Amino acid sequence: MSHETPVLEAETRTKLGSRYAIRLREAGRLPAVVYGHKQGAVHVSIDARSFNDIADSSAHLIEVKVDGAPEPCLIKAIQYDHLDRHPVHVDLARVNLDEAVEIELDIDFTGEAVGLKEAGAMLDVPHNSVVVSCKANNIPDKLEHNIAELAVGASVHASDLALPTGVDLVTEGELMLAHIVVQSAAAESTDDAEGGTEPEVIGGDKADDAS
């Protein structure tokens, strides 16, 4: 579970646009917006190093002090640069600490699966996160699932996760999160005989929104 709520100091900003956003980043600050709860959006700047420390801690709920006035917020979205390394903009959504919110949480698979002892076995993780619903002041930093007993051919589905009290699964329970697969030696030899197949490369750059 989340422990002490991190505090992030923010200053309102009136000059918007990419030119001013670049100047902020050069000064060690990030452009951000605080919005929600039937209040107008407030454009702010935050200290980049402080935010990175909070993001690295896996915290979801933070207390944002906008010109000294505290507001509980969720880190709703982080936009990164074209190299997908450094944040360039942050969306912060106001919340009531007693209201239920939906949030995506990462899953930490622990233990060494027994199925990995078989030759050619590997752990395939199609999805490493799920969406849950809980009160804003009860958000876990992450979820854990021990896969030590996972055998070849067995799978972990979203419904298999042991969720903390007060946390409900929103993702479909049938969603496969992880399973053990074995690469067929016969298939490998067939590929070698035929010269192999050219892998299809799928991917693309993320759009860079720097406002």
N, C-alpha and C. Protein backbone atom coordinates (compact mmCIF):
# COMPACT_ATOMS: atom_id res chain seq x y z
N MET A 1 0.83 -1.19 0.00
CA MET A 1 0.00 0.00 0.00
C MET A 1 0.87 1.25 0.00
N SER A 2 0.28 2.33 -0.46
CA SER A 2 0.98 3.60 -0.39
C SER A 2 1.15 3.99 1.07
N HIS A 3 2.26 4.61 1.38
CA HIS A 3 2.54 5.03 2.74
C HIS A 3 2.31 6.54 2.83
N GLU A 4 3.30 7.28 3.26
CA GLU A 4 3.14 8.73 3.36
C GLU A 4 2.97 9.34 1.98
N THR A 5 1.98 10.19 1.85
CA THR A 5 1.69 10.80 0.55
C THR A 5 2.77 11.81 0.19
N PRO A 6 3.43 11.64 -0.96
CA PRO A 6 4.45 12.61 -1.37
C PRO A 6 3.84 13.98 -1.63
N VAL A 7 4.62 15.01 -1.37
CA VAL A 7 4.17 16.39 -1.58
C VAL A 7 4.97 17.00 -2.73
N LEU A 8 4.26 17.65 -3.63
CA LEU A 8 4.90 18.27 -4.79
C LEU A 8 4.51 19.73 -4.86
N GLU A 9 5.48 20.60 -4.81
CA GLU A 9 5.24 22.04 -4.91
C GLU A 9 5.03 22.42 -6.38
N ALA A 10 4.03 23.25 -6.63
CA ALA A 10 3.73 23.69 -7.99
C ALA A 10 3.51 25.19 -8.02
N GLU A 11 3.89 25.81 -9.13
CA GLU A 11 3.70 27.24 -9.32
C GLU A 11 2.84 27.45 -10.56
N THR A 12 1.84 28.32 -10.47
CA THR A 12 1.00 28.60 -11.63
C THR A 12 1.83 29.26 -12.72
N ARG A 13 1.43 29.00 -13.96
CA ARG A 13 2.11 29.62 -15.11
C ARG A 13 1.05 30.17 -16.04
N THR A 14 1.33 31.32 -16.61
CA THR A 14 0.38 31.98 -17.50
C THR A 14 0.84 31.94 -18.95
N LYS A 15 2.13 31.73 -19.14
CA LYS A 15 2.67 31.67 -20.50
C LYS A 15 2.68 30.21 -20.95
N LEU A 16 1.92 29.93 -22.01
CA LEU A 16 1.79 28.57 -22.50
C LEU A 16 2.43 28.45 -23.89
N GLY A 17 2.51 27.22 -24.37
CA GLY A 17 3.09 26.98 -25.69
C GLY A 17 4.45 26.31 -25.58
N SER A 18 4.89 25.73 -26.70
CA SER A 18 6.11 24.93 -26.71
C SER A 18 7.36 25.76 -26.38
N ARG A 19 7.39 27.02 -26.80
CA ARG A 19 8.58 27.85 -26.55
C ARG A 19 8.80 28.04 -25.05
N TYR A 20 7.71 28.34 -24.33
CA TYR A 20 7.84 28.54 -22.89
C TYR A 20 8.06 27.21 -22.16
N ALA A 21 7.49 26.13 -22.71
CA ALA A 21 7.70 24.81 -22.11
C ALA A 21 9.18 24.42 -22.18
N ILE A 22 9.81 24.73 -23.30
CA ILE A 22 11.24 24.43 -23.46
C ILE A 22 12.05 25.22 -22.44
N ARG A 23 11.70 26.48 -22.23
CA ARG A 23 12.41 27.31 -21.26
C ARG A 23 12.28 26.74 -19.85
N LEU A 24 11.07 26.24 -19.53
CA LEU A 24 10.86 25.63 -18.22
C LEU A 24 11.78 24.43 -18.02
N ARG A 25 11.83 23.56 -19.02
CA ARG A 25 12.65 22.35 -18.90
C ARG A 25 14.13 22.70 -18.79
N GLU A 26 14.55 23.72 -19.51
CA GLU A 26 15.94 24.15 -19.42
C GLU A 26 16.27 24.66 -18.02
N ALA A 27 15.24 25.15 -17.32
CA ALA A 27 15.41 25.66 -15.95
C ALA A 27 15.19 24.56 -14.91
N GLY A 28 15.02 23.32 -15.35
CA GLY A 28 14.86 22.21 -14.41
C GLY A 28 13.44 22.01 -13.92
N ARG A 29 12.46 22.57 -14.67
CA ARG A 29 11.07 22.43 -14.27
C ARG A 29 10.26 21.76 -15.39
N LEU A 30 9.09 21.21 -15.02
CA LEU A 30 8.23 20.56 -15.99
C LEU A 30 6.90 21.30 -16.07
N PRO A 31 6.37 21.47 -17.28
CA PRO A 31 5.02 22.00 -17.40
C PRO A 31 4.03 20.90 -17.01
N ALA A 32 2.95 21.29 -16.34
CA ALA A 32 1.94 20.34 -15.90
C ALA A 32 0.60 21.04 -15.85
N VAL A 33 -0.47 20.25 -15.75
CA VAL A 33 -1.81 20.80 -15.62
C VAL A 33 -2.53 20.07 -14.50
N VAL A 34 -3.23 20.81 -13.65
CA VAL A 34 -4.04 20.25 -12.57
C VAL A 34 -5.50 20.49 -12.97
N TYR A 35 -6.31 19.42 -12.98
CA TYR A 35 -7.68 19.58 -13.49
C TYR A 35 -8.62 18.62 -12.76
N GLY A 36 -9.93 18.78 -13.02
CA GLY A 36 -10.92 17.85 -12.50
C GLY A 36 -11.73 18.38 -11.33
N HIS A 37 -12.72 17.58 -10.93
CA HIS A 37 -13.62 17.89 -9.81
C HIS A 37 -14.35 19.21 -10.01
N LYS A 38 -14.85 19.39 -11.23
CA LYS A 38 -15.68 20.53 -11.57
C LYS A 38 -14.99 21.87 -11.29
N GLN A 39 -13.67 21.84 -11.33
CA GLN A 39 -12.90 23.07 -11.20
C GLN A 39 -12.12 23.28 -12.50
N GLY A 40 -11.78 24.52 -12.75
CA GLY A 40 -11.04 24.82 -13.97
C GLY A 40 -9.63 24.24 -13.94
N ALA A 41 -9.12 23.98 -15.12
CA ALA A 41 -7.76 23.50 -15.24
C ALA A 41 -6.77 24.61 -14.88
N VAL A 42 -5.74 24.26 -14.14
CA VAL A 42 -4.71 25.22 -13.75
C VAL A 42 -3.38 24.75 -14.33
N HIS A 43 -2.77 25.59 -15.14
CA HIS A 43 -1.47 25.26 -15.71
C HIS A 43 -0.38 25.64 -14.71
N VAL A 44 0.50 24.70 -14.42
CA VAL A 44 1.52 24.90 -13.41
C VAL A 44 2.87 24.41 -13.91
N SER A 45 3.89 24.69 -13.14
CA SER A 45 5.20 24.10 -13.37
C SER A 45 5.65 23.43 -12.08
N ILE A 46 6.38 22.33 -12.22
CA ILE A 46 6.85 21.57 -11.06
C ILE A 46 8.33 21.28 -11.22
N ASP A 47 9.01 21.06 -10.10
CA ASP A 47 10.43 20.74 -10.13
C ASP A 47 10.63 19.36 -10.75
N ALA A 48 11.43 19.29 -11.79
CA ALA A 48 11.60 18.04 -12.54
C ALA A 48 12.22 16.95 -11.67
N ARG A 49 13.23 17.28 -10.90
CA ARG A 49 13.90 16.27 -10.08
C ARG A 49 12.97 15.72 -9.01
N SER A 50 12.21 16.60 -8.37
CA SER A 50 11.27 16.14 -7.34
C SER A 50 10.22 15.22 -7.94
N PHE A 51 9.70 15.58 -9.12
CA PHE A 51 8.70 14.74 -9.75
C PHE A 51 9.28 13.39 -10.14
N ASN A 52 10.49 13.38 -10.68
CA ASN A 52 11.11 12.11 -11.08
C ASN A 52 11.29 11.19 -9.88
N ASP A 53 11.65 11.76 -8.72
CA ASP A 53 11.80 10.95 -7.51
C ASP A 53 10.46 10.32 -7.12
N ILE A 54 9.38 11.11 -7.23
CA ILE A 54 8.05 10.59 -6.90
C ILE A 54 7.63 9.50 -7.89
N ALA A 55 7.86 9.74 -9.17
CA ALA A 55 7.48 8.76 -10.18
C ALA A 55 8.28 7.47 -10.01
N ASP A 56 9.55 7.57 -9.66
CA ASP A 56 10.39 6.38 -9.46
C ASP A 56 9.94 5.58 -8.24
N SER A 57 9.26 6.22 -7.31
CA SER A 57 8.82 5.54 -6.09
C SER A 57 7.52 4.77 -6.31
N SER A 58 6.96 4.82 -7.52
CA SER A 58 5.71 4.14 -7.88
C SER A 58 4.49 4.73 -7.19
N ALA A 59 4.62 5.93 -6.65
CA ALA A 59 3.47 6.57 -6.00
C ALA A 59 2.45 6.99 -7.05
N HIS A 60 1.18 6.88 -6.70
CA HIS A 60 0.09 7.30 -7.60
C HIS A 60 -0.60 8.54 -7.06
N LEU A 61 -0.86 8.55 -5.75
CA LEU A 61 -1.52 9.69 -5.11
C LEU A 61 -0.46 10.64 -4.56
N ILE A 62 -0.59 11.92 -4.88
CA ILE A 62 0.35 12.91 -4.37
C ILE A 62 -0.44 14.13 -3.90
N GLU A 63 0.18 14.91 -3.04
CA GLU A 63 -0.41 16.18 -2.61
C GLU A 63 0.30 17.28 -3.37
N VAL A 64 -0.45 17.96 -4.21
CA VAL A 64 0.11 19.03 -5.01
C VAL A 64 -0.23 20.36 -4.35
N LYS A 65 0.79 21.12 -4.02
CA LYS A 65 0.59 22.44 -3.43
C LYS A 65 0.73 23.49 -4.53
N VAL A 66 -0.43 23.97 -4.99
CA VAL A 66 -0.45 24.98 -6.04
C VAL A 66 -0.36 26.35 -5.39
N ASP A 67 0.78 26.98 -5.51
CA ASP A 67 1.04 28.26 -4.84
C ASP A 67 0.71 28.17 -3.36
N GLY A 68 1.05 27.03 -2.75
CA GLY A 68 0.88 26.84 -1.32
C GLY A 68 -0.40 26.17 -0.90
N ALA A 69 -1.42 26.10 -1.78
CA ALA A 69 -2.71 25.49 -1.43
C ALA A 69 -2.68 24.00 -1.80
N PRO A 70 -2.82 23.08 -0.81
CA PRO A 70 -2.69 21.64 -1.08
C PRO A 70 -3.93 21.05 -1.75
N GLU A 71 -3.72 20.17 -2.71
CA GLU A 71 -4.80 19.45 -3.38
C GLU A 71 -4.35 18.02 -3.61
N PRO A 72 -5.15 17.01 -3.17
CA PRO A 72 -4.80 15.62 -3.48
C PRO A 72 -5.03 15.35 -4.95
N CYS A 73 -4.06 14.74 -5.61
CA CYS A 73 -4.14 14.49 -7.05
C CYS A 73 -3.59 13.11 -7.39
N LEU A 74 -4.07 12.58 -8.50
CA LEU A 74 -3.50 11.37 -9.08
C LEU A 74 -2.61 11.77 -10.25
N ILE A 75 -1.50 11.04 -10.39
CA ILE A 75 -0.67 11.22 -11.59
C ILE A 75 -1.40 10.50 -12.71
N LYS A 76 -2.09 11.26 -13.54
CA LYS A 76 -2.98 10.68 -14.55
C LYS A 76 -2.23 10.29 -15.82
N ALA A 77 -1.29 11.11 -16.23
CA ALA A 77 -0.55 10.82 -17.47
C ALA A 77 0.79 11.53 -17.44
N ILE A 78 1.78 10.86 -18.00
CA ILE A 78 3.12 11.44 -18.15
C ILE A 78 3.51 11.34 -19.61
N GLN A 79 3.82 12.45 -20.22
CA GLN A 79 4.30 12.46 -21.60
C GLN A 79 5.82 12.52 -21.59
N TYR A 80 6.43 11.71 -22.46
CA TYR A 80 7.89 11.62 -22.50
C TYR A 80 8.43 12.19 -23.81
N ASP A 81 9.76 12.43 -23.81
CA ASP A 81 10.41 12.93 -25.01
C ASP A 81 10.45 11.84 -26.08
N HIS A 82 11.00 12.18 -27.24
CA HIS A 82 10.99 11.25 -28.38
C HIS A 82 11.84 10.01 -28.12
N LEU A 83 12.74 10.06 -27.16
CA LEU A 83 13.53 8.89 -26.79
C LEU A 83 12.86 8.07 -25.71
N ASP A 84 11.69 8.54 -25.23
CA ASP A 84 10.92 7.85 -24.19
C ASP A 84 11.72 7.72 -22.90
N ARG A 85 12.52 8.75 -22.58
CA ARG A 85 13.37 8.71 -21.39
C ARG A 85 12.97 9.74 -20.34
N HIS A 86 12.75 10.96 -20.78
CA HIS A 86 12.54 12.05 -19.83
C HIS A 86 11.12 12.62 -19.96
N PRO A 87 10.45 12.85 -18.82
CA PRO A 87 9.12 13.47 -18.87
C PRO A 87 9.19 14.87 -19.45
N VAL A 88 8.17 15.23 -20.23
CA VAL A 88 8.10 16.58 -20.78
C VAL A 88 6.81 17.29 -20.37
N HIS A 89 5.82 16.53 -19.89
CA HIS A 89 4.57 17.13 -19.45
C HIS A 89 3.84 16.14 -18.55
N VAL A 90 3.13 16.67 -17.54
CA VAL A 90 2.44 15.81 -16.57
C VAL A 90 1.00 16.28 -16.40
N ASP A 91 0.06 15.32 -16.40
CA ASP A 91 -1.35 15.60 -16.11
C ASP A 91 -1.65 15.13 -14.69
N LEU A 92 -2.20 16.03 -13.87
CA LEU A 92 -2.53 15.73 -12.47
C LEU A 92 -4.02 15.94 -12.26
N ALA A 93 -4.73 14.87 -11.87
CA ALA A 93 -6.19 14.92 -11.72
C ALA A 93 -6.57 15.04 -10.25
N ARG A 94 -7.33 16.07 -9.92
CA ARG A 94 -7.80 16.24 -8.54
C ARG A 94 -8.70 15.07 -8.15
N VAL A 95 -8.62 14.66 -6.87
CA VAL A 95 -9.48 13.58 -6.38
C VAL A 95 -9.96 13.89 -4.97
N ASN A 96 -11.08 13.27 -4.61
CA ASN A 96 -11.55 13.24 -3.24
C ASN A 96 -10.98 11.96 -2.63
N LEU A 97 -10.34 12.04 -1.50
CA LEU A 97 -9.66 10.88 -0.92
C LEU A 97 -10.61 9.73 -0.62
N ASP A 98 -11.89 10.01 -0.45
CA ASP A 98 -12.85 8.96 -0.11
C ASP A 98 -13.60 8.42 -1.32
N GLU A 99 -13.32 8.93 -2.50
CA GLU A 99 -14.03 8.45 -3.68
C GLU A 99 -13.28 7.30 -4.34
N ALA A 100 -14.04 6.44 -5.03
CA ALA A 100 -13.43 5.32 -5.75
C ALA A 100 -12.90 5.81 -7.09
N VAL A 101 -11.71 5.38 -7.43
CA VAL A 101 -11.10 5.75 -8.69
C VAL A 101 -10.63 4.48 -9.39
N GLU A 102 -10.52 4.55 -10.70
CA GLU A 102 -9.95 3.45 -11.47
C GLU A 102 -8.53 3.81 -11.87
N ILE A 103 -7.63 2.86 -11.69
CA ILE A 103 -6.23 3.15 -11.97
C ILE A 103 -5.52 1.89 -12.45
N GLU A 104 -4.57 2.04 -13.34
CA GLU A 104 -3.81 0.91 -13.86
C GLU A 104 -2.59 0.68 -12.97
N LEU A 105 -2.40 -0.57 -12.53
CA LEU A 105 -1.29 -0.91 -11.66
C LEU A 105 -0.40 -1.96 -12.31
N ASP A 106 0.91 -1.81 -12.12
CA ASP A 106 1.86 -2.81 -12.61
C ASP A 106 1.83 -4.06 -11.74
N ILE A 107 2.18 -5.19 -12.33
CA ILE A 107 2.24 -6.46 -11.60
C ILE A 107 3.69 -6.91 -11.52
N ASP A 108 4.13 -7.23 -10.31
CA ASP A 108 5.48 -7.74 -10.08
C ASP A 108 5.38 -9.25 -9.91
N PHE A 109 5.85 -9.99 -10.91
CA PHE A 109 5.83 -11.45 -10.83
C PHE A 109 7.07 -11.91 -10.05
N THR A 110 6.83 -12.57 -8.92
CA THR A 110 7.93 -12.99 -8.04
C THR A 110 8.11 -14.50 -8.10
N GLY A 111 9.29 -14.96 -7.64
CA GLY A 111 9.57 -16.39 -7.63
C GLY A 111 10.04 -16.87 -9.00
N GLU A 112 10.64 -18.06 -9.03
CA GLU A 112 11.09 -18.66 -10.29
C GLU A 112 10.17 -19.82 -10.63
N ALA A 113 9.49 -19.71 -11.74
CA ALA A 113 8.51 -20.72 -12.13
C ALA A 113 9.15 -22.08 -12.32
N VAL A 114 8.51 -23.11 -11.76
CA VAL A 114 9.03 -24.47 -11.88
C VAL A 114 9.10 -24.91 -13.33
N GLY A 115 8.20 -24.38 -14.16
CA GLY A 115 8.18 -24.76 -15.57
C GLY A 115 9.40 -24.30 -16.34
N LEU A 116 10.13 -23.31 -15.81
CA LEU A 116 11.32 -22.80 -16.50
C LEU A 116 12.48 -23.77 -16.45
N LYS A 117 12.35 -24.85 -15.64
CA LYS A 117 13.42 -25.85 -15.57
C LYS A 117 13.43 -26.76 -16.79
N GLU A 118 12.35 -26.76 -17.55
CA GLU A 118 12.29 -27.59 -18.75
C GLU A 118 13.07 -26.90 -19.88
N ALA A 119 13.77 -27.72 -20.66
CA ALA A 119 14.60 -27.20 -21.75
C ALA A 119 13.75 -26.39 -22.73
N GLY A 120 14.23 -25.22 -23.06
CA GLY A 120 13.55 -24.38 -24.03
C GLY A 120 12.38 -23.59 -23.48
N ALA A 121 12.12 -23.72 -22.17
CA ALA A 121 10.98 -23.03 -21.57
C ALA A 121 11.30 -21.56 -21.34
N MET A 122 10.29 -20.73 -21.50
CA MET A 122 10.45 -19.30 -21.24
C MET A 122 9.14 -18.73 -20.72
N LEU A 123 9.26 -17.65 -19.94
CA LEU A 123 8.09 -16.98 -19.39
C LEU A 123 7.63 -15.91 -20.37
N ASP A 124 6.39 -16.04 -20.83
CA ASP A 124 5.81 -15.05 -21.73
C ASP A 124 4.80 -14.22 -20.94
N VAL A 125 4.97 -12.89 -20.98
CA VAL A 125 4.10 -11.98 -20.22
C VAL A 125 3.39 -11.05 -21.20
N PRO A 126 2.21 -11.46 -21.71
CA PRO A 126 1.48 -10.60 -22.64
C PRO A 126 1.01 -9.29 -22.01
N HIS A 127 0.68 -9.33 -20.71
CA HIS A 127 0.22 -8.13 -20.01
C HIS A 127 0.84 -8.10 -18.61
N ASN A 128 1.41 -6.96 -18.24
CA ASN A 128 2.02 -6.85 -16.92
C ASN A 128 1.37 -5.77 -16.07
N SER A 129 0.09 -5.48 -16.39
CA SER A 129 -0.66 -4.52 -15.58
C SER A 129 -2.15 -4.81 -15.70
N VAL A 130 -2.91 -4.35 -14.72
CA VAL A 130 -4.36 -4.47 -14.74
C VAL A 130 -4.96 -3.17 -14.22
N VAL A 131 -6.24 -2.96 -14.51
CA VAL A 131 -6.97 -1.81 -14.00
C VAL A 131 -7.78 -2.26 -12.80
N VAL A 132 -7.69 -1.50 -11.72
CA VAL A 132 -8.43 -1.80 -10.50
C VAL A 132 -9.23 -0.57 -10.07
N SER A 133 -10.16 -0.80 -9.14
CA SER A 133 -10.94 0.28 -8.57
C SER A 133 -10.78 0.25 -7.06
N CYS A 134 -10.52 1.41 -6.46
CA CYS A 134 -10.37 1.51 -5.01
C CYS A 134 -10.45 2.98 -4.62
N LYS A 135 -10.53 3.23 -3.32
CA LYS A 135 -10.52 4.61 -2.86
C LYS A 135 -9.16 5.24 -3.14
N ALA A 136 -9.18 6.53 -3.39
CA ALA A 136 -7.95 7.23 -3.76
C ALA A 136 -6.88 7.13 -2.69
N ASN A 137 -7.30 7.01 -1.42
CA ASN A 137 -6.31 6.92 -0.34
C ASN A 137 -5.95 5.48 0.00
N ASN A 138 -6.33 4.55 -0.88
CA ASN A 138 -6.07 3.13 -0.64
C ASN A 138 -5.44 2.47 -1.86
N ILE A 139 -4.72 3.23 -2.65
CA ILE A 139 -4.14 2.70 -3.89
C ILE A 139 -2.82 2.00 -3.59
N PRO A 140 -2.69 0.71 -3.95
CA PRO A 140 -1.40 0.03 -3.78
C PRO A 140 -0.37 0.62 -4.74
N ASP A 141 0.90 0.57 -4.35
CA ASP A 141 1.94 1.03 -5.26
C ASP A 141 2.00 0.11 -6.48
N LYS A 142 1.83 -1.20 -6.25
CA LYS A 142 1.86 -2.19 -7.31
C LYS A 142 1.20 -3.46 -6.77
N LEU A 143 1.04 -4.45 -7.65
CA LEU A 143 0.51 -5.74 -7.26
C LEU A 143 1.59 -6.80 -7.43
N GLU A 144 1.56 -7.82 -6.60
CA GLU A 144 2.53 -8.91 -6.69
C GLU A 144 1.82 -10.24 -6.90
N HIS A 145 2.45 -11.12 -7.65
CA HIS A 145 1.91 -12.48 -7.84
C HIS A 145 3.09 -13.45 -7.93
N ASN A 146 3.07 -14.47 -7.07
CA ASN A 146 4.15 -15.46 -7.04
C ASN A 146 3.88 -16.52 -8.09
N ILE A 147 4.84 -16.74 -8.99
CA ILE A 147 4.67 -17.70 -10.07
C ILE A 147 5.53 -18.94 -9.88
N ALA A 148 6.01 -19.17 -8.65
CA ALA A 148 6.91 -20.31 -8.39
C ALA A 148 6.29 -21.64 -8.80
N GLU A 149 4.97 -21.80 -8.67
CA GLU A 149 4.30 -23.06 -9.00
C GLU A 149 3.81 -23.13 -10.44
N LEU A 150 4.15 -22.13 -11.25
CA LEU A 150 3.65 -22.09 -12.63
C LEU A 150 4.38 -23.12 -13.49
N ALA A 151 3.62 -24.08 -14.02
CA ALA A 151 4.20 -25.16 -14.82
C ALA A 151 4.03 -24.87 -16.31
N VAL A 152 4.70 -25.66 -17.14
CA VAL A 152 4.58 -25.52 -18.59
C VAL A 152 3.11 -25.73 -18.98
N GLY A 153 2.59 -24.84 -19.77
CA GLY A 153 1.21 -24.93 -20.20
C GLY A 153 0.23 -24.24 -19.28
N ALA A 154 0.68 -23.88 -18.08
CA ALA A 154 -0.19 -23.18 -17.13
C ALA A 154 -0.14 -21.67 -17.39
N SER A 155 -1.18 -20.99 -16.97
CA SER A 155 -1.28 -19.55 -17.20
C SER A 155 -1.72 -18.82 -15.94
N VAL A 156 -1.39 -17.55 -15.89
CA VAL A 156 -1.88 -16.66 -14.85
C VAL A 156 -2.85 -15.69 -15.51
N HIS A 157 -4.08 -15.64 -14.98
CA HIS A 157 -5.08 -14.72 -15.49
C HIS A 157 -5.34 -13.61 -14.47
N ALA A 158 -5.96 -12.56 -14.93
CA ALA A 158 -6.22 -11.42 -14.04
C ALA A 158 -6.99 -11.84 -12.80
N SER A 159 -7.90 -12.78 -12.97
CA SER A 159 -8.72 -13.23 -11.84
C SER A 159 -7.91 -14.00 -10.80
N ASP A 160 -6.69 -14.42 -11.14
CA ASP A 160 -5.84 -15.16 -10.20
C ASP A 160 -5.14 -14.24 -9.20
N LEU A 161 -5.14 -12.96 -9.45
CA LEU A 161 -4.43 -12.03 -8.58
C LEU A 161 -5.11 -11.92 -7.22
N ALA A 162 -4.31 -11.92 -6.16
CA ALA A 162 -4.83 -11.69 -4.81
C ALA A 162 -4.78 -10.19 -4.54
N LEU A 163 -5.93 -9.55 -4.57
CA LEU A 163 -5.99 -8.10 -4.41
C LEU A 163 -6.14 -7.72 -2.95
N PRO A 164 -5.53 -6.62 -2.53
CA PRO A 164 -5.68 -6.14 -1.16
C PRO A 164 -7.14 -5.81 -0.85
N THR A 165 -7.47 -5.80 0.42
CA THR A 165 -8.82 -5.45 0.85
C THR A 165 -9.20 -4.05 0.35
N GLY A 166 -10.39 -3.94 -0.21
CA GLY A 166 -10.86 -2.65 -0.71
C GLY A 166 -10.45 -2.36 -2.14
N VAL A 167 -9.75 -3.30 -2.77
CA VAL A 167 -9.32 -3.12 -4.16
C VAL A 167 -10.04 -4.13 -5.03
N ASP A 168 -10.77 -3.67 -6.05
CA ASP A 168 -11.55 -4.54 -6.93
C ASP A 168 -10.98 -4.53 -8.34
N LEU A 169 -11.06 -5.68 -8.99
CA LEU A 169 -10.55 -5.82 -10.35
C LEU A 169 -11.54 -5.24 -11.35
N VAL A 170 -11.05 -4.39 -12.25
CA VAL A 170 -11.86 -3.84 -13.34
C VAL A 170 -11.57 -4.58 -14.64
N THR A 171 -10.31 -4.91 -14.86
CA THR A 171 -9.91 -5.68 -16.04
C THR A 171 -10.67 -7.01 -16.08
N GLU A 172 -11.01 -7.48 -17.28
CA GLU A 172 -11.68 -8.77 -17.42
C GLU A 172 -10.85 -9.87 -16.79
N GLY A 173 -11.49 -10.70 -15.96
CA GLY A 173 -10.77 -11.75 -15.24
C GLY A 173 -10.12 -12.77 -16.15
N GLU A 174 -10.64 -12.94 -17.38
CA GLU A 174 -10.09 -13.94 -18.30
C GLU A 174 -8.80 -13.49 -18.98
N LEU A 175 -8.43 -12.23 -18.80
CA LEU A 175 -7.23 -11.72 -19.47
C LEU A 175 -6.00 -12.50 -19.01
N MET A 176 -5.25 -13.08 -19.97
CA MET A 176 -4.03 -13.80 -19.64
C MET A 176 -2.90 -12.82 -19.38
N LEU A 177 -2.26 -12.98 -18.23
CA LEU A 177 -1.15 -12.10 -17.87
C LEU A 177 0.20 -12.73 -18.17
N ALA A 178 0.33 -14.04 -17.89
CA ALA A 178 1.62 -14.71 -18.09
C ALA A 178 1.40 -16.20 -18.26
N HIS A 179 2.32 -16.85 -18.99
CA HIS A 179 2.29 -18.30 -19.11
C HIS A 179 3.69 -18.79 -19.51
N ILE A 180 3.90 -20.11 -19.32
CA ILE A 180 5.17 -20.74 -19.68
C ILE A 180 5.01 -21.38 -21.04
N VAL A 181 5.90 -21.06 -21.95
CA VAL A 181 5.88 -21.66 -23.28
C VAL A 181 7.23 -22.33 -23.54
N VAL A 182 7.21 -23.35 -24.39
CA VAL A 182 8.43 -24.08 -24.76
C VAL A 182 8.62 -23.98 -26.25
N GLN A 183 9.76 -23.49 -26.66
CA GLN A 183 10.05 -23.38 -28.08
C GLN A 183 10.35 -24.77 -28.62
N SER A 184 9.65 -25.15 -29.66
CA SER A 184 9.79 -26.49 -30.21
C SER A 184 11.10 -26.66 -30.96
N ALA A 185 11.85 -27.68 -30.56
CA ALA A 185 13.11 -27.97 -31.25
C ALA A 185 12.84 -28.37 -32.69
N ALA A 186 11.73 -29.07 -32.92
CA ALA A 186 11.38 -29.49 -34.28
C ALA A 186 11.12 -28.29 -35.15
N ALA A 187 10.43 -27.30 -34.59
CA ALA A 187 10.15 -26.09 -35.36
C ALA A 187 11.43 -25.35 -35.69
N GLU A 188 12.38 -25.35 -34.74
CA GLU A 188 13.66 -24.68 -34.97
C GLU A 188 14.41 -25.34 -36.12
N SER A 189 14.44 -26.68 -36.13
CA SER A 189 15.18 -27.39 -37.17
C SER A 189 14.54 -27.18 -38.53
N THR A 190 13.19 -27.07 -38.56
CA THR A 190 12.49 -26.81 -39.81
C THR A 190 12.84 -25.43 -40.35
N ASP A 191 12.88 -24.46 -39.45
CA ASP A 191 13.25 -23.11 -39.86
C ASP A 191 14.66 -23.07 -40.40
N ASP A 192 15.58 -23.81 -39.74
CA ASP A 192 16.97 -23.83 -40.20
C ASP A 192 17.06 -24.43 -41.59
N ALA A 193 16.29 -25.50 -41.83
CA ALA A 193 16.35 -26.17 -43.12
C ALA A 193 15.81 -25.29 -44.23
N GLU A 194 14.81 -24.47 -43.90
CA GLU A 194 14.21 -23.61 -44.91
C GLU A 194 14.85 -22.23 -44.96
N GLY A 195 15.89 -22.04 -44.16
CA GLY A 195 16.56 -20.75 -44.16
C GLY A 195 15.96 -19.75 -43.22
N GLY A 196 14.98 -20.21 -42.42
CA GLY A 196 14.38 -19.32 -41.42
C GLY A 196 13.37 -18.38 -42.04
N THR A 197 12.70 -17.69 -41.21
CA THR A 197 11.73 -16.69 -41.66
C THR A 197 12.15 -15.32 -41.18
N GLU A 198 11.84 -14.34 -41.95
CA GLU A 198 12.20 -12.96 -41.60
C GLU A 198 11.20 -12.43 -40.58
N PRO A 199 11.66 -12.01 -39.41
CA PRO A 199 10.71 -11.52 -38.40
C PRO A 199 10.07 -10.21 -38.82
N GLU A 200 8.81 -10.06 -38.44
CA GLU A 200 8.10 -8.82 -38.70
C GLU A 200 8.37 -7.85 -37.56
N VAL A 201 8.78 -6.65 -37.90
CA VAL A 201 9.08 -5.64 -36.90
C VAL A 201 7.88 -4.71 -36.77
N ILE A 202 7.35 -4.66 -35.57
CA ILE A 202 6.20 -3.81 -35.32
C ILE A 202 6.60 -2.75 -34.31
N GLY A 203 6.29 -1.52 -34.58
CA GLY A 203 6.64 -0.48 -33.60
C GLY A 203 6.49 0.88 -34.24
N GLY A 204 6.79 1.87 -33.46
CA GLY A 204 6.70 3.23 -33.96
C GLY A 204 7.03 4.21 -32.89
N ASP A 205 7.37 5.39 -33.29
CA ASP A 205 7.72 6.43 -32.30
C ASP A 205 6.47 7.00 -31.69
N LYS A 206 6.57 7.34 -30.41
CA LYS A 206 5.47 8.03 -29.74
C LYS A 206 5.45 9.49 -30.17
N ALA A 207 4.26 10.01 -30.27
CA ALA A 207 4.14 11.44 -30.59
C ALA A 207 4.67 12.25 -29.44
N ASP A 208 5.38 13.31 -29.76
CA ASP A 208 5.96 14.15 -28.71
C ASP A 208 5.10 15.38 -28.51
N ASP A 209 4.37 15.41 -27.40
CA ASP A 209 3.53 16.56 -27.06
C ASP A 209 4.25 17.38 -26.01
N ALA A 210 4.79 18.48 -26.37
CA ALA A 210 5.67 19.21 -25.45
C ALA A 210 5.04 20.48 -24.93
N SER A 211 3.76 20.49 -24.65
CA SER A 211 3.14 21.69 -24.09
C SER A 211 2.85 21.51 -22.65
